[in-house]
Amino acid sequence: MVSMEQSGSTMGEEPTWVELLVSFLLIGAVVAAVGLAVIVSLVGLTLWGKALLRRHRGTVSGGS
């Protein structure tokens, strides 16, 4: 018959404070990079859209 007891922990060792700090910094860096990419994309699209409108208005009013 096989014993149902487990020798040792199934979770492994608890991380040290240095490992926790490094993991939090990595997670924060990923979040910051994604957030910055979204902000830069939105600003770029806004400026591109304004330039298109400005160019369109300039040609219409200039041609009249």
C-alpha atoms as a PDB file:
ATOM      1  CA  MET A   1       0.000   0.000   0.000  1.00  0.00           C
ATOM      2  CA  VAL A   2       1.289   3.477  -0.908  1.00  0.00           C
ATOM      3  CA  SER A   3       1.594   6.029   1.861  1.00  0.00           C
ATOM      4  CA  MET A   4      -0.417   9.248   1.347  1.00  0.00           C
ATOM      5  CA  GLU A   5       2.078  11.366   3.280  1.00  0.00           C
ATOM      6  CA  GLN A   6       4.253  13.806   1.370  1.00  0.00           C
ATOM      7  CA  SER A   7       7.805  14.427   2.366  1.00  0.00           C
ATOM      8  CA  GLY A   8       8.514  18.149   2.250  1.00  0.00           C
ATOM      9  CA  SER A   9       6.510  21.095   1.022  1.00  0.00           C
ATOM     10  CA  THR A  10       4.830  21.164  -2.372  1.00  0.00           C
ATOM     11  CA  MET A  11       5.090  24.966  -2.586  1.00  0.00           C
ATOM     12  CA  GLY A  12       8.862  25.315  -2.414  1.00  0.00           C
ATOM     13  CA  GLU A  13      10.767  27.931  -0.452  1.00  0.00           C
ATOM     14  CA  GLU A  14       9.360  31.336   0.341  1.00  0.00           C
ATOM     15  CA  PRO A  15      11.041  34.099  -1.668  1.00  0.00           C
ATOM     16  CA  THR A  16      13.467  36.422   0.070  1.00  0.00           C
ATOM     17  CA  TRP A  17      12.826  40.159   0.239  1.00  0.00           C
ATOM     18  CA  VAL A  18      15.389  40.710  -2.551  1.00  0.00           C
ATOM     19  CA  GLU A  19      13.546  38.320  -4.845  1.00  0.00           C
ATOM     20  CA  LEU A  20      10.240  40.001  -4.006  1.00  0.00           C
ATOM     21  CA  LEU A  21      11.721  43.427  -4.697  1.00  0.00           C
ATOM     22  CA  VAL A  22      13.137  42.308  -8.051  1.00  0.00           C
ATOM     23  CA  SER A  23       9.834  40.719  -9.068  1.00  0.00           C
ATOM     24  CA  PHE A  24       7.882  43.835  -8.102  1.00  0.00           C
ATOM     25  CA  LEU A  25      10.318  46.013 -10.051  1.00  0.00           C
ATOM     26  CA  LEU A  26       9.968  43.788 -13.118  1.00  0.00           C
ATOM     27  CA  ILE A  27       6.184  43.848 -12.907  1.00  0.00           C
ATOM     28  CA  GLY A  28       6.250  47.626 -12.476  1.00  0.00           C
ATOM     29  CA  ALA A  29       8.569  48.030 -15.450  1.00  0.00           C
ATOM     30  CA  VAL A  30       6.248  45.996 -17.676  1.00  0.00           C
ATOM     31  CA  VAL A  31       3.201  47.980 -16.537  1.00  0.00           C
ATOM     32  CA  ALA A  32       5.041  51.272 -17.095  1.00  0.00           C
ATOM     33  CA  ALA A  33       6.221  50.216 -20.564  1.00  0.00           C
ATOM     34  CA  VAL A  34       2.726  49.197 -21.646  1.00  0.00           C
ATOM     35  CA  GLY A  35       1.187  52.357 -20.204  1.00  0.00           C
ATOM     36  CA  LEU A  36       3.791  54.539 -21.889  1.00  0.00           C
ATOM     37  CA  ALA A  37       3.181  52.784 -25.216  1.00  0.00           C
ATOM     38  CA  VAL A  38      -0.554  53.424 -24.923  1.00  0.00           C
ATOM     39  CA  ILE A  39      -0.047  57.097 -24.061  1.00  0.00           C
ATOM     40  CA  VAL A  40       2.445  57.648 -26.907  1.00  0.00           C
ATOM     41  CA  SER A  41       0.082  55.919 -29.342  1.00  0.00           C
ATOM     42  CA  LEU A  42      -2.870  58.062 -28.277  1.00  0.00           C
ATOM     43  CA  VAL A  43      -0.833  61.273 -28.507  1.00  0.00           C
ATOM     44  CA  GLY A  44       0.514  60.267 -31.916  1.00  0.00           C
ATOM     45  CA  LEU A  45      -2.929  59.432 -33.261  1.00  0.00           C
ATOM     46  CA  THR A  46      -4.310  62.710 -31.903  1.00  0.00           C
ATOM     47  CA  LEU A  47      -1.558  64.747 -33.546  1.00  0.00           C
ATOM     48  CA  TRP A  48      -1.952  62.813 -36.806  1.00  0.00           C
ATOM     49  CA  GLY A  49      -5.714  63.384 -36.803  1.00  0.00           C
ATOM     50  CA  LYS A  50      -5.293  67.099 -36.110  1.00  0.00           C
ATOM     51  CA  ALA A  51      -2.754  67.387 -38.937  1.00  0.00           C
ATOM     52  CA  LEU A  52      -5.185  65.702 -41.329  1.00  0.00           C
ATOM     53  CA  LEU A  53      -7.984  68.062 -40.313  1.00  0.00           C
ATOM     54  CA  ARG A  54      -5.702  71.082 -40.577  1.00  0.00           C
ATOM     55  CA  ARG A  55      -4.511  70.011 -44.031  1.00  0.00           C
ATOM     56  CA  HIS A  56      -8.087  69.336 -45.166  1.00  0.00           C
ATOM     57  CA  ARG A  57      -9.380  72.688 -43.889  1.00  0.00           C
ATOM     58  CA  GLY A  58      -6.425  74.519 -45.466  1.00  0.00           C
ATOM     59  CA  THR A  59      -7.052  73.109 -48.932  1.00  0.00           C
ATOM     60  CA  VAL A  60     -10.820  73.715 -48.790  1.00  0.00           C
ATOM     61  CA  SER A  61     -10.595  77.299 -47.552  1.00  0.00           C
ATOM     62  CA  GLY A  62      -7.609  78.059 -49.772  1.00  0.00           C
ATOM     63  CA  GLY A  63      -9.389  76.831 -52.884  1.00  0.00           C
ATOM     64  CA  SER A  64     -12.529  78.950 -52.347  1.00  0.00           C
END
